[in-house]
Amino acid sequence: MKNFENRLTGSIGLGLLVSGWLVATAAQAADAEYQLVIQDHRFVPAELTVPSGKKIKLNIENRDATPEEFESHALNREKVIAGKSAGVIFIGPLTPGRYPFYGEFNQKTAQGVIVAK
């Protein structure tokens, strides 16, 4: 009986540890979400400041009727966002610095930078 109690206590402790880790991980992920909007073939905001050293979830909403491609050589990311839709890009963790991006289909107007501090 004592052996069973030890295994049960160990299982409960492990379950609580895993549950706590999942909650902490979810809270950290929620803190690292940022929004970009594509409207009139421009990124809004054109400059987005994020914390360095953290993984970032970038939610991109394209309000234009035409598709746009988020392109960044500095971030090593590209993603086509269809017109009137949204997409997600994960970046980081980033070292402090400036990371330019642009819209592949409207390079003259769709320009932006992510600043990691």
Protein backbone atom coordinates (compact mmCIF):
# COMPACT_ATOMS: atom_id res chain seq x y z
CA MET A 1 0.00 0.00 0.00
CA LYS A 2 2.84 2.41 0.85
CA ASN A 3 4.42 1.86 -2.62
CA PHE A 4 1.07 2.68 -4.29
CA GLU A 5 0.77 5.91 -2.24
CA ASN A 6 4.29 6.97 -3.25
CA ARG A 7 3.54 6.38 -6.94
CA LEU A 8 0.21 8.23 -6.68
CA THR A 9 1.83 11.18 -4.89
CA GLY A 10 4.63 11.26 -7.49
CA SER A 11 2.10 11.18 -10.35
CA ILE A 12 0.08 14.00 -8.84
CA GLY A 13 3.22 16.08 -8.27
CA LEU A 14 4.34 15.50 -11.87
CA GLY A 15 0.86 16.41 -13.12
CA LEU A 16 0.90 19.66 -11.16
CA LEU A 17 4.38 20.45 -12.43
CA VAL A 18 3.34 19.88 -16.06
CA SER A 19 0.11 21.87 -15.57
CA GLY A 20 2.04 24.79 -14.10
CA TRP A 21 4.51 24.72 -16.99
CA LEU A 22 1.67 24.73 -19.55
CA VAL A 23 -0.01 27.71 -17.87
CA ALA A 24 3.29 29.62 -17.70
CA THR A 25 4.04 28.82 -21.34
CA ALA A 26 0.58 29.98 -22.44
CA ALA A 27 0.95 33.22 -20.46
CA GLN A 28 4.33 33.93 -22.04
CA ALA A 29 2.96 33.27 -25.53
CA ALA A 30 0.03 35.63 -24.91
CA ASP A 31 2.41 38.40 -23.79
CA ALA A 32 4.41 38.18 -27.04
CA GLU A 33 1.63 38.82 -29.61
CA TYR A 34 1.82 41.84 -31.90
CA GLN A 35 -0.46 43.12 -34.67
CA LEU A 36 0.32 44.40 -38.15
CA VAL A 37 -2.33 45.61 -40.59
CA ILE A 38 -1.98 45.89 -44.35
CA GLN A 39 -4.19 48.71 -45.59
CA ASP A 40 -3.91 50.80 -48.77
CA HIS A 41 -0.79 48.76 -49.64
CA ARG A 42 1.00 49.91 -46.47
CA PHE A 43 1.94 48.25 -43.19
CA VAL A 44 0.42 49.82 -40.07
CA PRO A 45 2.31 50.46 -37.90
CA ALA A 46 5.31 50.94 -40.16
CA GLU A 47 7.60 50.56 -37.13
CA LEU A 48 6.88 47.91 -34.53
CA THR A 49 8.90 47.74 -31.31
CA VAL A 50 9.25 44.33 -29.64
CA PRO A 51 11.31 43.01 -26.73
CA SER A 52 14.61 41.38 -27.64
CA GLY A 53 15.30 37.85 -26.48
CA LYS A 54 11.68 36.69 -26.81
CA LYS A 55 9.79 34.71 -29.41
CA ILE A 56 7.12 36.86 -31.07
CA LYS A 57 3.79 35.93 -32.63
CA LEU A 58 3.03 38.45 -35.38
CA ASN A 59 -0.64 38.57 -36.40
CA ILE A 60 -1.01 40.16 -39.83
CA GLU A 61 -4.41 41.32 -41.10
CA ASN A 62 -4.71 42.24 -44.77
CA ARG A 63 -7.62 44.67 -45.16
CA ASP A 64 -6.89 45.22 -48.87
CA ALA A 65 -8.78 43.24 -51.51
CA THR A 66 -5.53 42.08 -53.09
CA PRO A 67 -2.91 39.72 -51.63
CA GLU A 68 0.36 40.93 -50.15
CA GLU A 69 3.51 39.05 -49.26
CA PHE A 70 5.27 39.85 -45.99
CA GLU A 71 8.96 39.57 -46.91
CA SER A 72 12.02 40.03 -44.69
CA HIS A 73 15.52 38.85 -45.50
CA ALA A 74 16.71 40.05 -42.08
CA LEU A 75 14.10 37.88 -40.34
CA ASN A 76 14.33 35.06 -42.88
CA ARG A 77 10.53 35.07 -43.29
CA GLU A 78 8.05 35.39 -46.12
CA LYS A 79 4.33 34.73 -46.19
CA VAL A 80 1.57 35.59 -48.63
CA ILE A 81 -1.52 37.01 -46.92
CA ALA A 82 -4.56 36.79 -49.19
CA GLY A 83 -6.81 39.82 -49.59
CA LYS A 84 -9.35 40.33 -46.79
CA SER A 85 -7.70 37.66 -44.64
CA ALA A 86 -5.10 37.20 -41.92
CA GLY A 87 -1.99 35.17 -41.21
CA VAL A 88 0.53 34.49 -38.46
CA ILE A 89 4.32 34.59 -38.50
CA PHE A 90 6.55 33.55 -35.59
CA ILE A 91 9.88 35.33 -35.23
CA GLY A 92 12.66 35.50 -32.73
CA PRO A 93 14.06 35.49 -30.26
CA LEU A 94 15.76 38.56 -31.71
CA THR A 95 18.92 40.32 -30.66
CA PRO A 96 18.59 44.11 -30.26
CA GLY A 97 18.46 45.80 -33.64
CA ARG A 98 16.36 46.84 -36.63
CA TYR A 99 14.80 44.23 -38.91
CA PRO A 100 13.30 45.67 -42.13
CA PHE A 101 10.40 44.05 -43.96
CA TYR A 102 8.37 44.92 -47.04
CA GLY A 103 5.42 43.87 -49.15
CA GLU A 104 6.69 41.92 -52.15
CA PHE A 105 3.74 42.98 -54.32
CA ASN A 106 3.83 46.71 -53.39
CA GLN A 107 7.47 47.42 -52.52
CA LYS A 108 7.22 51.19 -53.05
CA THR A 109 4.58 51.69 -50.36
CA ALA A 110 4.55 48.57 -48.16
CA GLN A 111 7.67 49.12 -46.05
CA GLY A 112 8.29 48.57 -42.38
CA VAL A 113 10.75 47.69 -39.64
CA ILE A 114 10.67 45.64 -36.46
CA VAL A 115 12.83 47.17 -33.73
CA ALA A 116 13.97 44.75 -31.02
CA LYS A 117 15.02 46.44 -27.76
